[in-house]
Structures are given as C-alpha cells and as structure tokens.
Amino acid sequence: MGKIHREKRIVADMIRFYCDKKHPQKKDLCKHCSNLLDYAHKRLENCPYGEKKTSCRRCLTHCYNPDMRMAIKRVMGYGAPRMFFYKPAEWIKHLFS
C-alpha cells in the first residue's frame, strides 16, 4: 500500500471520528465533513511530492486553502489522540511516518 493511500485512510478515519462526535446524525458524514474529506483526498491525489511526501503539517508547500486548513487542523487535533484507542496500529504508523 502506498503512502498516499495510507494517508487517505487515516484522514478519512479522523474525519469520521470528528463528525461522529461533533455532528451526530444518522447519515455517514455531515455535508461539511463530507466536503472536507473530498477536498483532503483531492489534495493528497495531487500532492506534488507524491509518495515521497512528508506530513502535511511539515510540508513547505501548503496546498490547502486557509479555511480548509483550519478545518483539517481542528479535525486532526480531535481525531489523532483518539486514534490511539480505536486504531492503535494505524496511530503508531502515522506517528512515525
């Protein structure tokens, strides 16, 4: 599995954790979180560094627009610590990648 594919899975998990707790509803994701997930996946697919990318937080080329960047920071701040309890193996891989 490539790095981009793994990053897509991780960001999807974190957005789901966030949406489930912050926007509880019967559907899969709320409209805002669904849009954020689509946006994040498109950005990962078009990453200029491809499989050699670092984490987006450490990247020199920020490709997210400011509003989406703030939204993904909120999601990551909420989702990353919780990943430890729900998906510890993925959390460890994400931490050391």
N, C-alpha and C. Protein backbone atom coordinates (compact mmCIF):
# COMPACT_ATOMS: atom_id res chain seq x y z
N MET A 1 0.85 -1.17 0.00
CA MET A 1 0.00 0.00 0.00
C MET A 1 0.89 1.24 0.00
N GLY A 2 0.59 2.21 -0.85
CA GLY A 2 1.39 3.41 -0.95
C GLY A 2 1.09 4.41 0.16
N LYS A 3 1.97 5.35 0.29
CA LYS A 3 1.85 6.36 1.34
C LYS A 3 0.60 7.23 1.15
N ILE A 4 0.30 7.60 -0.09
CA ILE A 4 -0.88 8.43 -0.36
C ILE A 4 -2.15 7.67 0.03
N HIS A 5 -2.23 6.41 -0.32
CA HIS A 5 -3.40 5.60 0.03
C HIS A 5 -3.56 5.51 1.55
N ARG A 6 -2.46 5.29 2.25
CA ARG A 6 -2.49 5.21 3.71
C ARG A 6 -2.93 6.55 4.32
N GLU A 7 -2.40 7.64 3.79
CA GLU A 7 -2.79 8.97 4.29
C GLU A 7 -4.28 9.22 4.08
N LYS A 8 -4.80 8.80 2.94
CA LYS A 8 -6.23 8.96 2.66
C LYS A 8 -7.07 8.20 3.69
N ARG A 9 -6.65 6.98 4.00
CA ARG A 9 -7.38 6.19 5.00
C ARG A 9 -7.33 6.85 6.37
N ILE A 10 -6.17 7.36 6.74
CA ILE A 10 -6.02 7.97 8.05
C ILE A 10 -6.87 9.23 8.16
N VAL A 11 -6.81 10.09 7.15
CA VAL A 11 -7.60 11.32 7.21
C VAL A 11 -9.09 11.00 7.21
N ALA A 12 -9.51 9.97 6.48
CA ALA A 12 -10.92 9.57 6.48
C ALA A 12 -11.34 9.09 7.87
N ASP A 13 -10.49 8.31 8.52
CA ASP A 13 -10.81 7.84 9.88
C ASP A 13 -10.94 9.01 10.85
N MET A 14 -10.02 9.95 10.76
CA MET A 14 -10.06 11.09 11.69
C MET A 14 -11.27 11.97 11.45
N ILE A 15 -11.64 12.17 10.19
CA ILE A 15 -12.83 12.96 9.90
C ILE A 15 -14.07 12.24 10.40
N ARG A 16 -14.10 10.91 10.28
CA ARG A 16 -15.25 10.15 10.80
C ARG A 16 -15.34 10.25 12.32
N PHE A 17 -14.20 10.13 13.03
CA PHE A 17 -14.20 10.28 14.49
C PHE A 17 -14.77 11.65 14.86
N TYR A 18 -14.28 12.67 14.19
CA TYR A 18 -14.68 14.04 14.48
C TYR A 18 -16.18 14.23 14.22
N CYS A 19 -16.63 13.82 13.06
CA CYS A 19 -18.03 14.03 12.68
C CYS A 19 -18.98 13.24 13.58
N ASP A 20 -18.61 12.01 13.92
CA ASP A 20 -19.46 11.19 14.80
C ASP A 20 -19.69 11.86 16.15
N LYS A 21 -18.68 12.53 16.67
CA LYS A 21 -18.80 13.15 17.99
C LYS A 21 -19.30 14.59 17.95
N LYS A 22 -18.92 15.33 16.92
CA LYS A 22 -19.26 16.75 16.86
C LYS A 22 -20.55 17.03 16.09
N HIS A 23 -20.88 16.19 15.14
CA HIS A 23 -22.08 16.38 14.31
C HIS A 23 -22.88 15.08 14.26
N PRO A 24 -23.32 14.57 15.39
CA PRO A 24 -24.00 13.26 15.37
C PRO A 24 -25.29 13.31 14.54
N GLN A 25 -25.40 12.35 13.67
CA GLN A 25 -26.59 12.20 12.83
C GLN A 25 -26.67 10.76 12.34
N LYS A 26 -27.73 10.44 11.69
CA LYS A 26 -27.92 9.05 11.25
C LYS A 26 -27.13 8.73 9.99
N LYS A 27 -26.80 9.73 9.20
CA LYS A 27 -26.06 9.50 7.97
C LYS A 27 -24.59 9.23 8.28
N ASP A 28 -23.85 8.92 7.24
CA ASP A 28 -22.42 8.63 7.38
C ASP A 28 -21.65 9.86 7.85
N LEU A 29 -21.61 10.91 7.05
CA LEU A 29 -20.92 12.15 7.40
C LEU A 29 -21.85 13.32 7.10
N CYS A 30 -21.71 14.39 7.87
CA CYS A 30 -22.48 15.59 7.56
C CYS A 30 -21.91 16.20 6.27
N LYS A 31 -22.62 17.17 5.74
CA LYS A 31 -22.21 17.77 4.46
C LYS A 31 -20.84 18.44 4.58
N HIS A 32 -20.62 19.15 5.67
CA HIS A 32 -19.35 19.86 5.87
C HIS A 32 -18.18 18.88 5.94
N CYS A 33 -18.33 17.82 6.71
CA CYS A 33 -17.25 16.83 6.85
C CYS A 33 -17.04 16.04 5.56
N SER A 34 -18.13 15.77 4.85
CA SER A 34 -18.02 15.08 3.57
C SER A 34 -17.24 15.94 2.57
N ASN A 35 -17.53 17.24 2.54
CA ASN A 35 -16.80 18.16 1.66
C ASN A 35 -15.33 18.22 2.05
N LEU A 36 -15.05 18.24 3.35
CA LEU A 36 -13.67 18.28 3.83
C LEU A 36 -12.92 17.01 3.42
N LEU A 37 -13.57 15.87 3.54
CA LEU A 37 -12.96 14.60 3.15
C LEU A 37 -12.65 14.58 1.65
N ASP A 38 -13.60 15.00 0.84
CA ASP A 38 -13.37 15.06 -0.61
C ASP A 38 -12.21 15.99 -0.93
N TYR A 39 -12.18 17.14 -0.28
CA TYR A 39 -11.12 18.12 -0.51
C TYR A 39 -9.76 17.54 -0.12
N ALA A 40 -9.69 16.91 1.04
CA ALA A 40 -8.43 16.34 1.52
C ALA A 40 -7.94 15.24 0.57
N HIS A 41 -8.85 14.40 0.10
CA HIS A 41 -8.46 13.33 -0.82
C HIS A 41 -7.96 13.90 -2.15
N LYS A 42 -8.59 14.95 -2.65
CA LYS A 42 -8.13 15.57 -3.89
C LYS A 42 -6.74 16.17 -3.71
N ARG A 43 -6.51 16.79 -2.56
CA ARG A 43 -5.20 17.38 -2.29
C ARG A 43 -4.13 16.30 -2.20
N LEU A 44 -4.45 15.19 -1.58
CA LEU A 44 -3.49 14.09 -1.49
C LEU A 44 -3.20 13.49 -2.86
N GLU A 45 -4.23 13.34 -3.67
CA GLU A 45 -4.03 12.78 -5.01
C GLU A 45 -3.14 13.68 -5.87
N ASN A 46 -3.22 14.98 -5.65
CA ASN A 46 -2.47 15.94 -6.46
C ASN A 46 -1.22 16.46 -5.75
N CYS A 47 -0.79 15.79 -4.72
CA CYS A 47 0.40 16.23 -3.97
C CYS A 47 1.61 16.25 -4.91
N PRO A 48 2.31 17.38 -4.98
CA PRO A 48 3.46 17.47 -5.89
C PRO A 48 4.61 16.54 -5.47
N TYR A 49 4.62 16.08 -4.24
CA TYR A 49 5.70 15.22 -3.76
C TYR A 49 5.38 13.73 -3.89
N GLY A 50 4.13 13.43 -4.19
CA GLY A 50 3.72 12.04 -4.40
C GLY A 50 4.04 11.15 -3.22
N GLU A 51 4.58 9.98 -3.50
CA GLU A 51 4.87 9.00 -2.46
C GLU A 51 6.04 9.42 -1.55
N LYS A 52 6.75 10.47 -1.92
CA LYS A 52 7.87 10.95 -1.10
C LYS A 52 7.45 12.07 -0.16
N LYS A 53 6.15 12.30 -0.03
CA LYS A 53 5.67 13.41 0.77
C LYS A 53 5.97 13.23 2.25
N THR A 54 6.07 14.35 2.93
CA THR A 54 6.16 14.35 4.39
C THR A 54 4.74 14.53 4.91
N SER A 55 4.58 14.73 6.18
CA SER A 55 3.25 15.03 6.68
C SER A 55 2.88 16.44 6.21
N CYS A 56 1.62 16.68 6.01
CA CYS A 56 1.18 17.98 5.52
C CYS A 56 1.59 19.10 6.48
N ARG A 57 1.61 18.78 7.76
CA ARG A 57 1.99 19.77 8.77
C ARG A 57 3.42 20.26 8.55
N ARG A 58 4.31 19.40 8.10
CA ARG A 58 5.73 19.76 7.90
C ARG A 58 6.06 20.18 6.47
N CYS A 59 5.09 20.14 5.59
CA CYS A 59 5.33 20.41 4.18
C CYS A 59 5.64 21.89 3.94
N LEU A 60 6.52 22.15 3.00
CA LEU A 60 6.87 23.51 2.64
C LEU A 60 5.85 24.12 1.68
N THR A 61 5.08 23.28 0.98
CA THR A 61 4.08 23.73 0.02
C THR A 61 2.70 23.44 0.59
N HIS A 62 2.07 24.44 1.19
CA HIS A 62 0.73 24.23 1.74
C HIS A 62 -0.30 24.39 0.65
N CYS A 63 -0.95 23.30 0.30
CA CYS A 63 -1.88 23.32 -0.82
C CYS A 63 -3.34 23.47 -0.38
N TYR A 64 -3.62 23.48 0.90
CA TYR A 64 -4.98 23.69 1.39
C TYR A 64 -5.26 25.19 1.43
N ASN A 65 -6.51 25.57 1.09
CA ASN A 65 -6.85 26.98 1.26
C ASN A 65 -6.99 27.25 2.76
N PRO A 66 -6.88 28.49 3.20
CA PRO A 66 -6.85 28.79 4.65
C PRO A 66 -8.03 28.23 5.44
N ASP A 67 -9.24 28.31 4.89
CA ASP A 67 -10.42 27.81 5.63
C ASP A 67 -10.36 26.30 5.82
N MET A 68 -10.01 25.60 4.76
CA MET A 68 -9.92 24.14 4.84
C MET A 68 -8.74 23.72 5.72
N ARG A 69 -7.69 24.50 5.71
CA ARG A 69 -6.53 24.19 6.55
C ARG A 69 -6.90 24.28 8.03
N MET A 70 -7.66 25.30 8.39
CA MET A 70 -8.11 25.42 9.78
C MET A 70 -9.06 24.28 10.15
N ALA A 71 -9.94 23.92 9.22
CA ALA A 71 -10.88 22.82 9.48
C ALA A 71 -10.15 21.50 9.68
N ILE A 72 -9.16 21.22 8.84
CA ILE A 72 -8.44 19.95 8.96
C ILE A 72 -7.58 19.94 10.23
N LYS A 73 -7.08 21.09 10.65
CA LYS A 73 -6.33 21.17 11.91
C LYS A 73 -7.23 20.82 13.09
N ARG A 74 -8.48 21.34 13.08
CA ARG A 74 -9.42 21.00 14.15
C ARG A 74 -9.69 19.50 14.17
N VAL A 75 -9.92 18.94 12.99
CA VAL A 75 -10.21 17.51 12.87
C VAL A 75 -9.02 16.68 13.36
N MET A 76 -7.82 17.02 12.93
CA MET A 76 -6.62 16.28 13.34
C MET A 76 -6.37 16.42 14.84
N GLY A 77 -6.60 17.62 15.36
CA GLY A 77 -6.42 17.82 16.80
C GLY A 77 -7.37 16.97 17.62
N TYR A 78 -8.55 16.75 17.10
CA TYR A 78 -9.53 15.91 17.79
C TYR A 78 -9.30 14.43 17.50
N GLY A 79 -9.07 14.10 16.24
CA GLY A 79 -9.03 12.70 15.83
C GLY A 79 -7.74 11.97 16.14
N ALA A 80 -6.61 12.65 16.06
CA ALA A 80 -5.32 11.98 16.25
C ALA A 80 -5.19 11.32 17.62
N PRO A 81 -5.48 12.02 18.72
CA PRO A 81 -5.36 11.35 20.02
C PRO A 81 -6.33 10.18 20.20
N ARG A 82 -7.51 10.27 19.61
CA ARG A 82 -8.49 9.20 19.74
C ARG A 82 -8.15 7.98 18.91
N MET A 83 -7.38 8.19 17.85
CA MET A 83 -6.95 7.06 17.02
C MET A 83 -6.17 6.05 17.85
N PHE A 84 -5.47 6.54 18.85
CA PHE A 84 -4.69 5.66 19.72
C PHE A 84 -5.57 4.58 20.34
N PHE A 85 -6.80 4.92 20.70
CA PHE A 85 -7.69 3.97 21.35
C PHE A 85 -8.47 3.10 20.36
N TYR A 86 -8.81 3.67 19.20
CA TYR A 86 -9.63 2.95 18.24
C TYR A 86 -8.82 2.16 17.21
N LYS A 87 -7.68 2.70 16.82
CA LYS A 87 -6.82 2.05 15.81
C LYS A 87 -5.36 2.25 16.19
N PRO A 88 -4.90 1.58 17.24
CA PRO A 88 -3.54 1.84 17.74
C PRO A 88 -2.44 1.54 16.72
N ALA A 89 -2.59 0.50 15.92
CA ALA A 89 -1.54 0.19 14.93
C ALA A 89 -1.42 1.30 13.90
N GLU A 90 -2.56 1.81 13.42
CA GLU A 90 -2.54 2.91 12.46
C GLU A 90 -1.95 4.18 13.09
N TRP A 91 -2.29 4.41 14.36
CA TRP A 91 -1.80 5.58 15.06
C TRP A 91 -0.27 5.54 15.16
N ILE A 92 0.27 4.39 15.48
CA ILE A 92 1.73 4.26 15.60
C ILE A 92 2.39 4.46 14.24
N LYS A 93 1.83 3.86 13.19
CA LYS A 93 2.38 4.05 11.84
C LYS A 93 2.34 5.52 11.45
N HIS A 94 1.23 6.19 11.75
CA HIS A 94 1.07 7.61 11.41
C HIS A 94 2.06 8.47 12.19
N LEU A 95 2.25 8.12 13.43
CA LEU A 95 3.15 8.89 14.29
C LEU A 95 4.58 8.82 13.80
N PHE A 96 5.01 7.68 13.33
CA PHE A 96 6.41 7.50 12.92
C PHE A 96 6.64 7.63 11.41
N SER A 97 5.61 7.97 10.65
CA SER A 97 5.82 8.13 9.20
C SER A 97 6.23 9.54 8.85
